[in-house]
Amino acid sequence: MRRVMLLRHAKSDWSQGAGDRERPLNERGRDAAPKIGRYIAQAQTVPDLILCSTSRRTRQTCDLVTAAFPATPEIEFEEELYLAEFGTIIGLVRAVPDKVHRVMVIGHNPGIHQAAADLTGPGNAKDRAALSARFPTGALAVIDFASGTWGDIHPRAGKLDRFITPRLLSGED
């Protein structure tokens, strides 16, 4: 089995006046990212490898999420993930070495949302409906594939295991 975890960066701070690549997380984002990290650790679904966009907000999200893990997985910062669309995301996932069984991609919308929607076939109906409606900052889609290799991953072949948002973890939904 292969597991793809798609994580949209946490909420960023538009008030800083920084360019898009350099925009940092805001207070809400700095609060949400560790919650997602603790959730991942408690659910025992820590990735073996993280592919992360090179923007400041995705790097900060990565740092805060992985701080909650029992051990830091291998992390590769990929310039191609900055504002990447589905084709780029799936291409990077298909290139993951087969010794890796769980990969997390930390990126941006609309690409992360598109990837989650395009990769997901069956799964929890409530989570699928929530994912289709929107993919908020800090949200995590966990998609499982029966495939034995990453190269065999294709659209609609994944089963949505769960879709988690920071609001769900805060009890606001």
N, C-alpha and C. Protein backbone atom coordinates (compact mmCIF):
# COMPACT_ATOMS: atom_id res chain seq x y z
N MET A 1 0.84 -1.19 0.00
CA MET A 1 0.00 0.00 0.00
C MET A 1 0.88 1.25 0.00
N ARG A 2 0.41 2.26 -0.68
CA ARG A 2 1.06 3.57 -0.73
C ARG A 2 0.12 4.60 -0.12
N ARG A 3 0.67 5.55 0.60
CA ARG A 3 -0.14 6.61 1.20
C ARG A 3 0.41 7.97 0.77
N VAL A 4 -0.48 8.80 0.22
CA VAL A 4 -0.14 10.17 -0.15
C VAL A 4 -0.89 11.09 0.80
N MET A 5 -0.16 11.99 1.41
CA MET A 5 -0.74 12.97 2.32
C MET A 5 -0.52 14.34 1.69
N LEU A 6 -1.61 15.02 1.40
CA LEU A 6 -1.54 16.33 0.77
C LEU A 6 -1.90 17.39 1.80
N LEU A 7 -0.96 18.27 2.09
CA LEU A 7 -1.13 19.29 3.11
C LEU A 7 -0.98 20.67 2.48
N ARG A 8 -2.02 21.47 2.62
CA ARG A 8 -1.92 22.86 2.19
C ARG A 8 -1.24 23.64 3.31
N HIS A 9 -0.35 24.55 2.96
CA HIS A 9 0.33 25.37 3.97
C HIS A 9 -0.69 26.01 4.90
N ALA A 10 -0.26 26.31 6.11
CA ALA A 10 -1.13 26.97 7.09
C ALA A 10 -1.35 28.43 6.67
N LYS A 11 -2.25 29.09 7.38
CA LYS A 11 -2.67 30.46 7.05
C LYS A 11 -1.48 31.43 7.06
N SER A 12 -1.38 32.21 5.97
CA SER A 12 -0.26 33.13 5.85
C SER A 12 -0.66 34.56 6.17
N ASP A 13 0.35 35.40 6.34
CA ASP A 13 0.16 36.78 6.75
C ASP A 13 0.30 37.72 5.56
N TRP A 14 -0.83 38.26 5.13
CA TRP A 14 -0.83 39.18 3.99
C TRP A 14 -0.43 40.59 4.41
N SER A 15 -0.41 40.88 5.70
CA SER A 15 -0.16 42.26 6.15
C SER A 15 1.32 42.63 6.13
N GLN A 16 2.18 41.66 5.96
CA GLN A 16 3.62 41.92 6.01
C GLN A 16 4.14 42.69 4.79
N GLY A 17 3.39 42.69 3.70
CA GLY A 17 3.83 43.37 2.50
C GLY A 17 4.94 42.63 1.76
N ALA A 18 5.20 41.41 2.16
CA ALA A 18 6.24 40.61 1.50
C ALA A 18 5.71 40.07 0.18
N GLY A 19 6.62 39.76 -0.74
CA GLY A 19 6.23 39.12 -1.99
C GLY A 19 5.63 37.74 -1.69
N ASP A 20 4.96 37.17 -2.66
CA ASP A 20 4.25 35.91 -2.43
C ASP A 20 5.16 34.81 -1.89
N ARG A 21 6.33 34.62 -2.47
CA ARG A 21 7.23 33.55 -2.01
C ARG A 21 7.71 33.76 -0.58
N GLU A 22 7.80 35.00 -0.15
CA GLU A 22 8.35 35.32 1.17
C GLU A 22 7.29 35.57 2.24
N ARG A 23 6.04 35.39 1.90
CA ARG A 23 4.96 35.64 2.86
C ARG A 23 5.04 34.62 4.00
N PRO A 24 5.11 35.06 5.26
CA PRO A 24 5.20 34.14 6.40
C PRO A 24 3.81 33.68 6.87
N LEU A 25 3.81 32.78 7.81
CA LEU A 25 2.55 32.38 8.45
C LEU A 25 2.10 33.48 9.39
N ASN A 26 0.78 33.57 9.57
CA ASN A 26 0.27 34.50 10.56
C ASN A 26 0.06 33.73 11.88
N GLU A 27 -0.48 34.40 12.87
CA GLU A 27 -0.66 33.76 14.19
C GLU A 27 -1.54 32.52 14.10
N ARG A 28 -2.63 32.63 13.34
CA ARG A 28 -3.53 31.49 13.18
C ARG A 28 -2.80 30.31 12.54
N GLY A 29 -1.97 30.59 11.53
CA GLY A 29 -1.19 29.54 10.88
C GLY A 29 -0.18 28.91 11.82
N ARG A 30 0.48 29.75 12.62
CA ARG A 30 1.48 29.23 13.57
C ARG A 30 0.81 28.41 14.67
N ASP A 31 -0.46 28.65 14.91
CA ASP A 31 -1.22 27.86 15.89
C ASP A 31 -1.73 26.56 15.27
N ALA A 32 -2.18 26.61 14.01
CA ALA A 32 -2.79 25.44 13.35
C ALA A 32 -1.78 24.37 12.96
N ALA A 33 -0.63 24.76 12.45
CA ALA A 33 0.34 23.79 11.93
C ALA A 33 0.78 22.77 12.99
N PRO A 34 1.11 23.18 14.21
CA PRO A 34 1.48 22.17 15.21
C PRO A 34 0.32 21.22 15.56
N LYS A 35 -0.91 21.73 15.49
CA LYS A 35 -2.07 20.86 15.75
C LYS A 35 -2.16 19.75 14.70
N ILE A 36 -1.94 20.12 13.45
CA ILE A 36 -1.95 19.12 12.38
C ILE A 36 -0.81 18.12 12.61
N GLY A 37 0.35 18.62 13.00
CA GLY A 37 1.48 17.75 13.28
C GLY A 37 1.19 16.77 14.40
N ARG A 38 0.60 17.26 15.49
CA ARG A 38 0.24 16.37 16.61
C ARG A 38 -0.79 15.34 16.17
N TYR A 39 -1.75 15.78 15.36
CA TYR A 39 -2.76 14.84 14.86
C TYR A 39 -2.09 13.72 14.06
N ILE A 40 -1.19 14.08 13.15
CA ILE A 40 -0.50 13.09 12.32
C ILE A 40 0.29 12.12 13.20
N ALA A 41 1.00 12.66 14.19
CA ALA A 41 1.79 11.80 15.09
C ALA A 41 0.89 10.87 15.90
N GLN A 42 -0.20 11.40 16.45
CA GLN A 42 -1.11 10.58 17.25
C GLN A 42 -1.82 9.52 16.41
N ALA A 43 -2.08 9.83 15.15
CA ALA A 43 -2.73 8.88 14.25
C ALA A 43 -1.73 7.87 13.68
N GLN A 44 -0.48 8.02 14.07
CA GLN A 44 0.60 7.12 13.63
C GLN A 44 0.67 7.02 12.11
N THR A 45 0.57 8.16 11.47
CA THR A 45 0.66 8.22 10.01
C THR A 45 1.75 9.20 9.56
N VAL A 46 2.84 9.25 10.34
CA VAL A 46 3.97 10.11 10.00
C VAL A 46 4.56 9.65 8.66
N PRO A 47 4.79 10.59 7.75
CA PRO A 47 5.34 10.21 6.44
C PRO A 47 6.79 9.76 6.53
N ASP A 48 7.19 8.97 5.55
CA ASP A 48 8.60 8.58 5.42
C ASP A 48 9.39 9.69 4.72
N LEU A 49 8.69 10.44 3.87
CA LEU A 49 9.31 11.49 3.06
C LEU A 49 8.34 12.65 2.93
N ILE A 50 8.87 13.86 3.01
CA ILE A 50 8.07 15.06 2.77
C ILE A 50 8.66 15.78 1.56
N LEU A 51 7.78 16.12 0.62
CA LEU A 51 8.13 16.97 -0.51
C LEU A 51 7.48 18.32 -0.23
N CYS A 52 8.27 19.36 -0.11
CA CYS A 52 7.75 20.65 0.32
C CYS A 52 8.12 21.75 -0.67
N SER A 53 7.15 22.60 -0.95
CA SER A 53 7.40 23.79 -1.76
C SER A 53 8.47 24.65 -1.09
N THR A 54 9.11 25.49 -1.85
CA THR A 54 10.19 26.32 -1.32
C THR A 54 9.73 27.67 -0.76
N SER A 55 8.44 27.95 -0.79
CA SER A 55 7.98 29.24 -0.26
C SER A 55 8.19 29.29 1.26
N ARG A 56 8.27 30.50 1.79
CA ARG A 56 8.48 30.67 3.23
C ARG A 56 7.35 30.05 4.04
N ARG A 57 6.11 30.25 3.62
CA ARG A 57 4.96 29.73 4.39
C ARG A 57 4.90 28.20 4.39
N THR A 58 5.31 27.55 3.29
CA THR A 58 5.32 26.09 3.28
C THR A 58 6.47 25.56 4.13
N ARG A 59 7.61 26.21 4.09
CA ARG A 59 8.74 25.79 4.93
C ARG A 59 8.39 25.94 6.42
N GLN A 60 7.75 27.06 6.77
CA GLN A 60 7.35 27.26 8.15
C GLN A 60 6.31 26.22 8.58
N THR A 61 5.38 25.92 7.70
CA THR A 61 4.38 24.89 7.99
C THR A 61 5.08 23.56 8.22
N CYS A 62 6.01 23.22 7.36
CA CYS A 62 6.76 21.98 7.49
C CYS A 62 7.49 21.91 8.84
N ASP A 63 8.17 22.97 9.21
CA ASP A 63 8.90 23.00 10.48
C ASP A 63 7.97 22.78 11.67
N LEU A 64 6.83 23.47 11.67
CA LEU A 64 5.90 23.37 12.79
C LEU A 64 5.19 22.01 12.85
N VAL A 65 4.88 21.46 11.70
CA VAL A 65 4.22 20.14 11.65
C VAL A 65 5.19 19.06 12.12
N THR A 66 6.40 19.07 11.57
CA THR A 66 7.35 17.99 11.89
C THR A 66 7.89 18.08 13.32
N ALA A 67 7.80 19.24 13.95
CA ALA A 67 8.24 19.36 15.34
C ALA A 67 7.44 18.44 16.27
N ALA A 68 6.23 18.08 15.85
CA ALA A 68 5.38 17.21 16.67
C ALA A 68 5.64 15.72 16.42
N PHE A 69 6.45 15.39 15.43
CA PHE A 69 6.72 14.00 15.08
C PHE A 69 7.76 13.41 16.03
N PRO A 70 7.70 12.09 16.28
CA PRO A 70 8.70 11.46 17.13
C PRO A 70 10.11 11.53 16.52
N ALA A 71 10.20 11.53 15.20
CA ALA A 71 11.47 11.69 14.49
C ALA A 71 11.16 12.43 13.19
N THR A 72 12.09 13.26 12.76
CA THR A 72 11.88 14.04 11.54
C THR A 72 12.14 13.17 10.32
N PRO A 73 11.14 13.07 9.43
CA PRO A 73 11.36 12.29 8.20
C PRO A 73 12.29 13.04 7.25
N GLU A 74 12.69 12.36 6.19
CA GLU A 74 13.47 13.02 5.15
C GLU A 74 12.60 14.10 4.52
N ILE A 75 13.19 15.26 4.27
CA ILE A 75 12.47 16.39 3.67
C ILE A 75 13.22 16.84 2.44
N GLU A 76 12.49 16.97 1.33
CA GLU A 76 13.07 17.51 0.10
C GLU A 76 12.29 18.77 -0.28
N PHE A 77 12.99 19.86 -0.39
CA PHE A 77 12.37 21.11 -0.80
C PHE A 77 12.42 21.18 -2.31
N GLU A 78 11.25 21.28 -2.92
CA GLU A 78 11.12 21.21 -4.38
C GLU A 78 10.62 22.53 -4.93
N GLU A 79 11.47 23.20 -5.68
CA GLU A 79 11.10 24.46 -6.34
C GLU A 79 9.85 24.27 -7.21
N GLU A 80 9.74 23.10 -7.84
CA GLU A 80 8.61 22.82 -8.74
C GLU A 80 7.26 22.84 -8.02
N LEU A 81 7.26 22.66 -6.70
CA LEU A 81 5.99 22.63 -5.96
C LEU A 81 5.42 24.01 -5.69
N TYR A 82 6.22 25.06 -5.91
CA TYR A 82 5.69 26.40 -5.68
C TYR A 82 4.58 26.67 -6.69
N LEU A 83 3.36 26.78 -6.19
CA LEU A 83 2.15 27.01 -6.99
C LEU A 83 1.93 25.91 -8.05
N ALA A 84 2.39 24.70 -7.77
CA ALA A 84 2.30 23.58 -8.72
C ALA A 84 0.86 23.15 -8.97
N GLU A 85 0.63 22.70 -10.19
CA GLU A 85 -0.66 22.12 -10.57
C GLU A 85 -0.59 20.61 -10.44
N PHE A 86 -1.71 19.96 -10.66
CA PHE A 86 -1.82 18.51 -10.48
C PHE A 86 -0.73 17.73 -11.21
N GLY A 87 -0.47 18.04 -12.47
CA GLY A 87 0.50 17.29 -13.25
C GLY A 87 1.89 17.28 -12.62
N THR A 88 2.30 18.42 -12.10
CA THR A 88 3.60 18.51 -11.44
C THR A 88 3.60 17.72 -10.15
N ILE A 89 2.53 17.85 -9.36
CA ILE A 89 2.45 17.14 -8.09
C ILE A 89 2.48 15.64 -8.31
N ILE A 90 1.65 15.13 -9.22
CA ILE A 90 1.61 13.68 -9.46
C ILE A 90 2.94 13.20 -10.05
N GLY A 91 3.58 14.02 -10.87
CA GLY A 91 4.88 13.66 -11.42
C GLY A 91 5.93 13.47 -10.34
N LEU A 92 5.94 14.37 -9.36
CA LEU A 92 6.89 14.25 -8.25
C LEU A 92 6.58 13.03 -7.38
N VAL A 93 5.29 12.77 -7.16
CA VAL A 93 4.91 11.60 -6.37
C VAL A 93 5.30 10.31 -7.10
N ARG A 94 5.07 10.25 -8.38
CA ARG A 94 5.43 9.05 -9.15
C ARG A 94 6.93 8.79 -9.16
N ALA A 95 7.73 9.82 -8.93
CA ALA A 95 9.19 9.68 -8.93
C ALA A 95 9.76 9.28 -7.56
N VAL A 96 8.90 9.19 -6.54
CA VAL A 96 9.36 8.81 -5.20
C VAL A 96 9.90 7.37 -5.25
N PRO A 97 11.02 7.11 -4.59
CA PRO A 97 11.56 5.75 -4.56
C PRO A 97 10.57 4.78 -3.91
N ASP A 98 10.50 3.57 -4.44
CA ASP A 98 9.52 2.59 -3.96
C ASP A 98 9.77 2.12 -2.53
N LYS A 99 10.95 2.36 -1.97
CA LYS A 99 11.21 1.99 -0.57
C LYS A 99 10.38 2.87 0.38
N VAL A 100 9.93 4.04 -0.11
CA VAL A 100 9.08 4.95 0.65
C VAL A 100 7.63 4.48 0.52
N HIS A 101 6.92 4.39 1.64
CA HIS A 101 5.52 3.95 1.60
C HIS A 101 4.53 5.08 1.88
N ARG A 102 5.00 6.13 2.60
CA ARG A 102 4.12 7.26 2.92
C ARG A 102 4.84 8.55 2.56
N VAL A 103 4.22 9.33 1.69
CA VAL A 103 4.81 10.60 1.28
C VAL A 103 3.82 11.72 1.56
N MET A 104 4.34 12.83 2.08
CA MET A 104 3.52 14.03 2.29
C MET A 104 4.01 15.10 1.33
N VAL A 105 3.06 15.77 0.69
CA VAL A 105 3.35 16.91 -0.16
C VAL A 105 2.78 18.14 0.51
N ILE A 106 3.64 19.13 0.75
CA ILE A 106 3.19 20.39 1.35
C ILE A 106 3.27 21.45 0.25
N GLY A 107 2.10 21.99 -0.08
CA GLY A 107 2.05 22.93 -1.19
C GLY A 107 0.94 23.95 -1.06
N HIS A 108 0.46 24.37 -2.22
CA HIS A 108 -0.44 25.51 -2.33
C HIS A 108 -1.71 25.14 -3.10
N ASN A 109 -2.74 25.93 -2.88
CA ASN A 109 -3.93 25.84 -3.73
C ASN A 109 -3.71 26.72 -4.95
N PRO A 110 -4.33 26.39 -6.04
CA PRO A 110 -5.35 25.36 -6.23
C PRO A 110 -4.79 23.96 -6.49
N GLY A 111 -3.47 23.83 -6.65
CA GLY A 111 -2.89 22.54 -7.01
C GLY A 111 -3.10 21.43 -6.00
N ILE A 112 -2.96 21.73 -4.71
CA ILE A 112 -3.15 20.69 -3.69
C ILE A 112 -4.59 20.21 -3.70
N HIS A 113 -5.53 21.13 -3.79
CA HIS A 113 -6.94 20.76 -3.83
C HIS A 113 -7.23 19.92 -5.08
N GLN A 114 -6.71 20.37 -6.20
CA GLN A 114 -6.92 19.65 -7.46
C GLN A 114 -6.33 18.24 -7.38
N ALA A 115 -5.14 18.11 -6.82
CA ALA A 115 -4.50 16.80 -6.69
C ALA A 115 -5.34 15.88 -5.80
N ALA A 116 -5.82 16.40 -4.68
CA ALA A 116 -6.64 15.59 -3.77
C ALA A 116 -7.92 15.13 -4.47
N ALA A 117 -8.57 16.04 -5.16
CA ALA A 117 -9.82 15.69 -5.85
C ALA A 117 -9.56 14.71 -6.99
N ASP A 118 -8.50 14.91 -7.76
CA ASP A 118 -8.22 14.06 -8.91
C ASP A 118 -7.71 12.68 -8.53
N LEU A 119 -7.01 12.57 -7.41
CA LEU A 119 -6.48 11.27 -7.00
C LEU A 119 -7.50 10.40 -6.27
N THR A 120 -8.52 11.04 -5.72
CA THR A 120 -9.47 10.33 -4.87
C THR A 120 -10.59 9.68 -5.66
N GLY A 121 -10.79 8.39 -5.40
CA GLY A 121 -11.93 7.65 -5.92
C GLY A 121 -12.88 7.43 -4.76
N PRO A 122 -12.93 6.22 -4.23
CA PRO A 122 -13.83 5.93 -3.11
C PRO A 122 -13.29 6.48 -1.80
N GLY A 123 -14.10 6.33 -0.77
CA GLY A 123 -13.68 6.75 0.56
C GLY A 123 -14.87 7.27 1.34
N ASN A 124 -14.59 7.76 2.51
CA ASN A 124 -15.59 8.29 3.41
C ASN A 124 -16.39 9.39 2.70
N ALA A 125 -17.70 9.19 2.58
CA ALA A 125 -18.56 10.11 1.82
C ALA A 125 -18.56 11.52 2.42
N LYS A 126 -18.60 11.61 3.74
CA LYS A 126 -18.62 12.92 4.40
C LYS A 126 -17.31 13.66 4.11
N ASP A 127 -16.18 12.97 4.24
CA ASP A 127 -14.89 13.59 3.98
C ASP A 127 -14.74 13.96 2.50
N ARG A 128 -15.23 13.11 1.60
CA ARG A 128 -15.16 13.41 0.17
C ARG A 128 -15.97 14.66 -0.17
N ALA A 129 -17.14 14.81 0.45
CA ALA A 129 -17.97 15.99 0.21
C ALA A 129 -17.27 17.25 0.75
N ALA A 130 -16.67 17.15 1.93
CA ALA A 130 -15.95 18.29 2.51
C ALA A 130 -14.76 18.68 1.64
N LEU A 131 -14.03 17.68 1.16
CA LEU A 131 -12.87 17.94 0.30
C LEU A 131 -13.30 18.59 -1.00
N SER A 132 -14.39 18.12 -1.58
CA SER A 132 -14.85 18.70 -2.85
C SER A 132 -15.26 20.16 -2.69
N ALA A 133 -15.82 20.51 -1.54
CA ALA A 133 -16.30 21.88 -1.32
C ALA A 133 -15.15 22.88 -1.23
N ARG A 134 -14.12 22.53 -0.47
CA ARG A 134 -13.00 23.45 -0.30
C ARG A 134 -11.84 22.76 0.37
N PHE A 135 -10.67 23.34 0.22
CA PHE A 135 -9.45 22.80 0.83
C PHE A 135 -8.77 23.98 1.54
N PRO A 136 -9.19 24.25 2.79
CA PRO A 136 -8.69 25.44 3.48
C PRO A 136 -7.22 25.34 3.86
N THR A 137 -6.64 26.48 4.23
CA THR A 137 -5.26 26.46 4.68
C THR A 137 -5.12 25.52 5.87
N GLY A 138 -4.00 24.80 5.88
CA GLY A 138 -3.73 23.85 6.96
C GLY A 138 -4.45 22.53 6.85
N ALA A 139 -5.25 22.34 5.81
CA ALA A 139 -6.01 21.09 5.66
C ALA A 139 -5.11 19.95 5.16
N LEU A 140 -5.50 18.74 5.52
CA LEU A 140 -4.74 17.53 5.19
C LEU A 140 -5.67 16.48 4.60
N ALA A 141 -5.33 16.00 3.40
CA ALA A 141 -6.04 14.87 2.79
C ALA A 141 -5.09 13.68 2.83
N VAL A 142 -5.59 12.55 3.32
CA VAL A 142 -4.81 11.32 3.39
C VAL A 142 -5.46 10.33 2.43
N ILE A 143 -4.69 9.92 1.41
CA ILE A 143 -5.22 9.09 0.33
C ILE A 143 -4.37 7.83 0.21
N ASP A 144 -5.02 6.67 0.25
CA ASP A 144 -4.33 5.38 0.17
C ASP A 144 -4.51 4.76 -1.21
N PHE A 145 -3.46 4.09 -1.66
CA PHE A 145 -3.45 3.41 -2.95
C PHE A 145 -3.03 1.96 -2.74
N ALA A 146 -3.70 1.05 -3.42
CA ALA A 146 -3.36 -0.36 -3.34
C ALA A 146 -2.10 -0.67 -4.14
N SER A 147 -1.65 0.25 -4.94
CA SER A 147 -0.52 0.07 -5.85
C SER A 147 0.76 -0.34 -5.12
N GLY A 148 1.54 -1.18 -5.77
CA GLY A 148 2.82 -1.59 -5.22
C GLY A 148 3.94 -0.63 -5.52
N THR A 149 3.76 0.25 -6.51
CA THR A 149 4.81 1.20 -6.86
C THR A 149 4.22 2.59 -7.05
N TRP A 150 5.05 3.60 -6.83
CA TRP A 150 4.60 4.98 -7.01
C TRP A 150 4.31 5.28 -8.47
N GLY A 151 5.05 4.65 -9.36
CA GLY A 151 4.84 4.89 -10.78
C GLY A 151 3.48 4.48 -11.28
N ASP A 152 2.79 3.60 -10.53
CA ASP A 152 1.46 3.13 -10.92
C ASP A 152 0.32 4.00 -10.38
N ILE A 153 0.64 5.02 -9.60
CA ILE A 153 -0.39 5.89 -9.05
C ILE A 153 -1.07 6.65 -10.19
N HIS A 154 -2.40 6.65 -10.19
CA HIS A 154 -3.12 7.37 -11.24
C HIS A 154 -4.43 7.94 -10.69
N PRO A 155 -5.02 8.89 -11.43
CA PRO A 155 -6.25 9.55 -10.97
C PRO A 155 -7.37 8.56 -10.65
N ARG A 156 -8.11 8.91 -9.62
CA ARG A 156 -9.29 8.19 -9.14
C ARG A 156 -8.99 6.81 -8.56
N ALA A 157 -7.70 6.46 -8.43
CA ALA A 157 -7.33 5.15 -7.91
C ALA A 157 -7.17 5.16 -6.39
N GLY A 158 -7.14 6.34 -5.79
CA GLY A 158 -6.91 6.44 -4.36
C GLY A 158 -8.19 6.40 -3.56
N LYS A 159 -8.06 5.89 -2.35
CA LYS A 159 -9.19 5.87 -1.41
C LYS A 159 -8.92 6.94 -0.35
N LEU A 160 -9.85 7.89 -0.23
CA LEU A 160 -9.70 8.94 0.78
C LEU A 160 -9.86 8.33 2.16
N ASP A 161 -8.78 8.30 2.90
CA ASP A 161 -8.81 7.76 4.27
C ASP A 161 -9.39 8.79 5.24
N ARG A 162 -8.98 10.06 5.05
CA ARG A 162 -9.49 11.12 5.92
C ARG A 162 -9.17 12.49 5.33
N PHE A 163 -9.97 13.45 5.74
CA PHE A 163 -9.75 14.84 5.37
C PHE A 163 -9.89 15.65 6.64
N ILE A 164 -8.80 16.26 7.06
CA ILE A 164 -8.74 16.95 8.35
C ILE A 164 -8.44 18.42 8.12
N THR A 165 -9.16 19.27 8.81
CA THR A 165 -8.90 20.71 8.76
C THR A 165 -8.54 21.19 10.17
N PRO A 166 -7.83 22.30 10.26
CA PRO A 166 -7.53 22.84 11.60
C PRO A 166 -8.79 23.10 12.42
N ARG A 167 -9.87 23.51 11.77
CA ARG A 167 -11.12 23.76 12.50
C ARG A 167 -11.67 22.49 13.15
N LEU A 168 -11.57 21.37 12.44
CA LEU A 168 -12.01 20.11 13.02
C LEU A 168 -11.22 19.77 14.28
N LEU A 169 -9.92 20.05 14.25
CA LEU A 169 -9.08 19.75 15.40
C LEU A 169 -9.32 20.71 16.56
N SER A 170 -9.88 21.87 16.24
CA SER A 170 -10.21 22.85 17.28
C SER A 170 -11.64 22.68 17.78
N GLY A 171 -12.38 21.75 17.16
CA GLY A 171 -13.76 21.51 17.55
C GLY A 171 -14.71 22.59 17.07
N GLU A 172 -14.33 23.34 16.03
CA GLU A 172 -15.18 24.44 15.55
C GLU A 172 -16.18 23.99 14.50
N ASP A 173 -16.00 22.82 13.89
CA ASP A 173 -16.95 22.34 12.87
C ASP A 173 -17.88 21.30 13.45
